[in-house]
Every structure is written in C-alpha cells, then in structure tokens.
Amino acid sequence: VETLPKTFEELVRISGLSHGTDVWTNNAQELVKAKTVTLSEAICTRDDIMTYLISKGLPSQNSFKIMECVRKGKGLTEEQESLMRENNVPDWYIDSCKKIKYMFPKAHAVAYVTMAFRIAWFKVHIPLAYYAAFFSIRAADKFDSECMIFGKSKVREKMAEIKRLGNEASKKDQDMYPVLEIVLEMYERGYNFLPIDLYKSDAMKFTIEDGAIRPPLN
C-alpha cells in the first residue's frame, strides 16, 4: 500500500524488502515516506548493492565485498565508507546500508514472485481451479463444512462469532478465520459449493463440478 507497485520488477523489490531484516522497517520505509527515494531506488535485495556501486564507479571486487558485509549485517568499514563517498554515493544510501541486518537474494525474490504471479493469474482467470487447489492444499485441516458450504450468511455468522470472542476463541477457530475469508470471497465472486456426497465426493480433494466446488469426504 505504501509503495504502490506497478511492475513485476517492483513486486520483486517488495519481496526483497519483506524478507530482509531492517531493510524496510526503520529504513527504506522512512525514505519512501519522506520521498527521499522511490521504490525503484531503495535497497531491496543484496544484488542491488553490488550493481548500484559498480554503476557509481566502484571496482567490482569492492562492490561485491561491501554487498557481502551489508547483507550479513556487518555494516561498513571506515575504508568502505570512504570509498563510497569518493564515488559520490549519497549519505542516505550509506546510512541505509549501516542499518541492514540481513538481505534476501534477488533470485529467491524472483522465484517467490513468479510463483505468486502464477497463482494470482489462476485466481483471476480460472477461479474454481484456484479455490479447489487452495482448499485441498492449504485449508484441508481448517475447513469446517458446517459453517462454510451453506452460503454467505453462515460464513459471516461464524466470522462474527470468532471476532466477538477475540483472544478467547479456540486455536482451531482462530486458524479457521483466514479460510473463512477465502470462502466468503469465493461466494462474493458468484461461486458455490455442492453438498458432500458419498458417491461423488473425492476422498481428499475438492473437485470442480458443474461450475461449483464439491468438498471431499475427509
């Protein structure tokens, strides 16, 4: 919400920020808020440091060593800081490097975002496949047919009950809440569940049938 990504590359940057330690919080977040930098200029993955320093004219070996120190949370030596200043690296960049405790590699961020992007594509374009897969893989042990397969009102009732109980809600109900949200989303998009059927339901998987989803026996 704060960074308003518009490209795949910016989603990769967000993945780097969210998986690092002290990369976003009290660091890039403050710089973006103050409009000192944009998302594309902030340090987001460890590779950003090396490629940026090379672009500023630092030797490749020094750029690599600085990246390694920063991404491990070791900060900068006086010699490294002097070299960066000699090559007109701005103060905000140097301060940002000093705050970082751990940084995510860009290749990992790309892999995560590629997978998320594919899943998002299915959610938008082939929603029943997405919901059937989600419930089968991620929600099998948190799916309660009594409050989930009988329409929106039942789902909303259960969500309201869990909210009302707050911290006193059982662990099972607290874990179920995000699944209820997905179920409600599915209903709001115009899709429904079919009843559980001894002869038609799969043993373990949610299946697609006649434009709806049939829950499994388990």
Protein backbone atom coordinates (compact mmCIF):
# COMPACT_ATOMS: atom_id res chain seq x y z
CA VAL A 1 0.00 0.00 0.00
CA GLU A 2 2.82 2.40 0.86
CA THR A 3 4.91 1.62 -2.22
CA LEU A 4 2.14 1.21 -4.85
CA PRO A 5 3.94 -1.27 -7.14
CA LYS A 6 3.09 -1.08 -10.84
CA THR A 7 5.52 -3.57 -12.43
CA PHE A 8 6.72 -7.14 -11.92
CA GLU A 9 10.17 -5.75 -11.03
CA GLU A 10 8.64 -3.68 -8.23
CA LEU A 11 6.88 -6.78 -6.87
CA VAL A 12 10.32 -8.44 -6.75
CA ARG A 13 11.62 -5.43 -4.81
CA ILE A 14 8.77 -5.74 -2.30
CA SER A 15 9.57 -9.44 -1.84
CA GLY A 16 13.16 -8.46 -1.04
CA LEU A 17 12.02 -5.81 1.44
CA SER A 18 9.60 -8.14 3.22
CA HIS A 19 12.11 -10.99 3.59
CA GLY A 20 15.00 -8.84 4.81
CA THR A 21 15.69 -7.67 8.37
CA ASP A 22 15.82 -3.91 8.96
CA VAL A 23 15.64 -3.38 5.21
CA TRP A 24 12.12 -1.91 5.12
CA THR A 25 11.18 -1.12 8.75
CA ASN A 26 13.01 1.95 10.10
CA ASN A 27 14.96 2.08 6.86
CA ALA A 28 13.54 2.12 3.32
CA GLN A 29 10.05 2.75 4.72
CA GLU A 30 11.15 6.09 6.19
CA LEU A 31 12.99 7.06 2.99
CA VAL A 32 9.95 6.30 0.81
CA LYS A 33 7.64 8.18 3.22
CA ALA A 34 9.92 11.23 3.17
CA LYS A 35 10.09 10.97 -0.65
CA THR A 36 13.89 10.81 -0.42
CA VAL A 37 13.74 7.75 -2.70
CA THR A 38 11.22 5.84 -4.79
CA LEU A 39 10.71 2.09 -4.51
CA SER A 40 12.92 1.51 -7.56
CA GLU A 41 15.80 3.45 -5.93
CA ALA A 42 15.65 1.84 -2.47
CA ILE A 43 17.95 -1.03 -1.43
CA CYS A 44 15.69 -4.09 -1.61
CA THR A 45 17.83 -7.17 -2.38
CA ARG A 46 21.50 -7.84 -1.78
CA ASP A 47 22.26 -7.72 -5.52
CA ASP A 48 21.03 -4.11 -5.62
CA ILE A 49 24.06 -3.00 -3.61
CA MET A 50 26.68 -4.56 -5.86
CA THR A 51 25.12 -3.42 -9.14
CA TYR A 52 24.48 0.10 -7.81
CA LEU A 53 28.03 0.54 -6.52
CA ILE A 54 29.51 -0.71 -9.81
CA SER A 55 27.30 1.82 -11.64
CA LYS A 56 28.74 4.55 -9.38
CA GLY A 57 32.28 3.60 -10.44
CA LEU A 58 33.48 1.40 -7.55
CA PRO A 59 35.64 -1.61 -8.58
CA SER A 60 33.67 -4.84 -8.91
CA GLN A 61 35.58 -6.61 -6.14
CA ASN A 62 34.98 -3.79 -3.64
CA SER A 63 31.32 -3.61 -4.62
CA PHE A 64 30.95 -7.34 -4.02
CA LYS A 65 32.69 -7.19 -0.62
CA ILE A 66 30.52 -4.27 0.52
CA MET A 67 27.40 -6.21 -0.54
CA GLU A 68 28.57 -9.24 1.45
CA CYS A 69 29.24 -7.17 4.58
CA VAL A 70 25.91 -5.38 4.42
CA ARG A 71 23.75 -8.40 3.65
CA LYS A 72 25.25 -10.25 6.67
CA GLY A 73 24.52 -7.27 8.94
CA LYS A 74 28.16 -6.32 9.44
CA GLY A 75 27.70 -2.72 8.27
CA LEU A 76 30.55 -0.81 6.62
CA THR A 77 34.22 -0.37 7.48
CA GLU A 78 35.67 3.16 7.51
CA GLU A 79 37.60 2.28 4.36
CA GLN A 80 34.45 1.08 2.57
CA GLU A 81 32.51 4.18 3.61
CA SER A 82 35.32 6.47 2.38
CA LEU A 83 35.44 4.65 -0.96
CA MET A 84 31.67 5.08 -1.34
CA ARG A 85 31.86 8.80 -0.55
CA GLU A 86 34.74 9.24 -3.02
CA ASN A 87 32.42 7.86 -5.70
CA ASN A 88 29.52 10.18 -4.79
CA VAL A 89 27.34 7.57 -3.12
CA PRO A 90 24.69 9.64 -1.25
CA ASP A 91 24.50 9.79 2.55
CA TRP A 92 21.05 8.19 2.69
CA TYR A 93 22.42 5.15 0.83
CA ILE A 94 25.37 4.76 3.23
CA ASP A 95 23.10 5.16 6.28
CA SER A 96 20.68 2.61 4.84
CA CYS A 97 23.50 0.07 4.39
CA LYS A 98 24.54 0.51 8.03
CA LYS A 99 21.06 -0.34 9.35
CA ILE A 100 20.59 -3.60 7.45
CA LYS A 101 20.86 -6.88 9.41
CA TYR A 102 20.00 -9.39 6.67
CA MET A 103 19.19 -9.18 2.95
CA PHE A 104 17.35 -11.51 0.60
CA PRO A 105 19.00 -12.60 -2.69
CA LYS A 106 17.24 -11.33 -5.80
CA ALA A 107 16.99 -14.81 -7.37
CA HIS A 108 14.90 -16.00 -4.39
CA ALA A 109 12.68 -12.94 -4.62
CA VAL A 110 12.14 -13.55 -8.35
CA ALA A 111 11.25 -17.22 -7.71
CA TYR A 112 8.73 -16.27 -4.99
CA VAL A 113 7.09 -13.54 -7.07
CA THR A 114 6.96 -15.73 -10.20
CA MET A 115 5.07 -18.37 -8.21
CA ALA A 116 2.78 -15.78 -6.60
CA PHE A 117 2.12 -14.22 -10.02
CA ARG A 118 1.13 -17.58 -11.48
CA ILE A 119 -1.20 -18.30 -8.56
CA ALA A 120 -2.72 -14.81 -8.91
CA TRP A 121 -3.30 -15.43 -12.62
CA PHE A 122 -5.31 -18.57 -11.83
CA LYS A 123 -7.23 -16.76 -9.09
CA VAL A 124 -8.31 -14.09 -11.59
CA HIS A 125 -8.80 -16.15 -14.75
CA ILE A 126 -9.61 -19.73 -13.63
CA PRO A 127 -11.00 -19.11 -10.14
CA LEU A 128 -12.57 -22.52 -9.50
CA ALA A 129 -9.21 -24.21 -10.13
CA TYR A 130 -7.60 -21.76 -7.70
CA TYR A 131 -10.17 -22.28 -4.91
CA ALA A 132 -10.26 -26.08 -5.32
CA ALA A 133 -6.46 -26.21 -5.11
CA PHE A 134 -6.29 -23.76 -2.19
CA PHE A 135 -8.84 -25.64 -0.09
CA SER A 136 -7.26 -29.04 -0.92
CA ILE A 137 -3.67 -27.99 -0.17
CA ARG A 138 -3.74 -25.10 2.29
CA ALA A 139 -7.03 -25.47 4.13
CA ALA A 140 -7.81 -29.19 4.31
CA ASP A 141 -7.42 -29.38 8.12
CA LYS A 142 -9.11 -25.99 8.70
CA PHE A 143 -12.20 -26.50 6.55
CA ASP A 144 -15.44 -26.83 8.51
CA SER A 145 -18.28 -27.78 6.17
CA GLU A 146 -20.96 -26.96 8.77
CA CYS A 147 -20.22 -23.23 8.58
CA MET A 148 -18.66 -22.99 5.13
CA ILE A 149 -20.71 -24.78 2.47
CA PHE A 150 -24.18 -23.34 3.24
CA GLY A 151 -23.79 -19.83 1.87
CA LYS A 152 -22.56 -16.38 2.80
CA SER A 153 -24.74 -15.78 5.86
CA LYS A 154 -23.39 -18.87 7.67
CA VAL A 155 -19.82 -17.81 6.88
CA ARG A 156 -20.43 -14.27 8.13
CA GLU A 157 -22.06 -15.60 11.33
CA LYS A 158 -19.01 -17.73 12.11
CA MET A 159 -16.61 -14.86 11.35
CA ALA A 160 -18.60 -12.54 13.63
CA GLU A 161 -18.58 -15.17 16.41
CA ILE A 162 -14.77 -15.57 16.20
CA LYS A 163 -14.30 -11.78 16.18
CA ARG A 164 -16.59 -11.40 19.17
CA LEU A 165 -14.63 -13.98 21.20
CA GLY A 166 -11.31 -12.33 20.30
CA ASN A 167 -8.40 -13.96 22.16
CA GLU A 168 -10.84 -16.30 23.88
CA ALA A 169 -11.65 -18.01 20.56
CA SER A 170 -10.23 -21.51 20.29
CA LYS A 171 -6.98 -22.06 18.37
CA LYS A 172 -8.98 -24.06 15.82
CA ASP A 173 -11.36 -21.13 15.21
CA GLN A 174 -8.52 -18.58 15.02
CA ASP A 175 -6.76 -20.74 12.41
CA MET A 176 -10.03 -21.12 10.53
CA TYR A 177 -10.65 -17.36 10.18
CA PRO A 178 -8.40 -16.77 7.10
CA VAL A 179 -10.07 -19.74 5.38
CA LEU A 180 -13.49 -18.25 6.12
CA GLU A 181 -12.30 -15.06 4.43
CA ILE A 182 -11.36 -17.00 1.28
CA VAL A 183 -14.68 -18.88 1.35
CA LEU A 184 -16.58 -15.57 1.64
CA GLU A 185 -14.52 -14.13 -1.23
CA MET A 186 -15.46 -17.14 -3.36
CA TYR A 187 -19.17 -16.63 -2.61
CA GLU A 188 -18.90 -12.90 -3.36
CA ARG A 189 -17.46 -13.77 -6.78
CA GLY A 190 -20.56 -15.84 -7.55
CA TYR A 191 -19.24 -19.38 -6.94
CA ASN A 192 -20.77 -22.00 -4.66
CA PHE A 193 -20.20 -25.38 -3.02
CA LEU A 194 -22.05 -28.55 -3.87
CA PRO A 195 -23.10 -30.83 -0.98
CA ILE A 196 -20.74 -33.53 0.24
CA ASP A 197 -21.83 -36.74 -1.47
CA LEU A 198 -20.88 -40.29 -0.50
CA TYR A 199 -20.69 -41.31 -4.18
CA LYS A 200 -19.47 -38.12 -5.88
CA SER A 201 -17.05 -36.54 -3.38
CA ASP A 202 -13.36 -37.39 -3.63
CA ALA A 203 -11.74 -38.82 -0.51
CA MET A 204 -9.24 -35.98 -0.05
CA LYS A 205 -9.55 -33.32 -2.78
CA PHE A 206 -12.01 -30.56 -3.51
CA THR A 207 -13.27 -31.12 -7.05
CA ILE A 208 -14.84 -28.90 -9.71
CA GLU A 209 -18.25 -29.99 -10.92
CA ASP A 210 -20.94 -28.11 -12.88
CA GLY A 211 -19.38 -24.71 -12.19
CA ALA A 212 -19.16 -25.31 -8.45
CA ILE A 213 -16.85 -27.00 -5.95
CA ARG A 214 -17.63 -30.28 -4.20
CA PRO A 215 -15.82 -30.83 -0.88
CA PRO A 216 -14.11 -34.18 -0.17
CA LEU A 217 -15.25 -36.76 2.35
CA ASN A 218 -12.42 -36.08 4.79
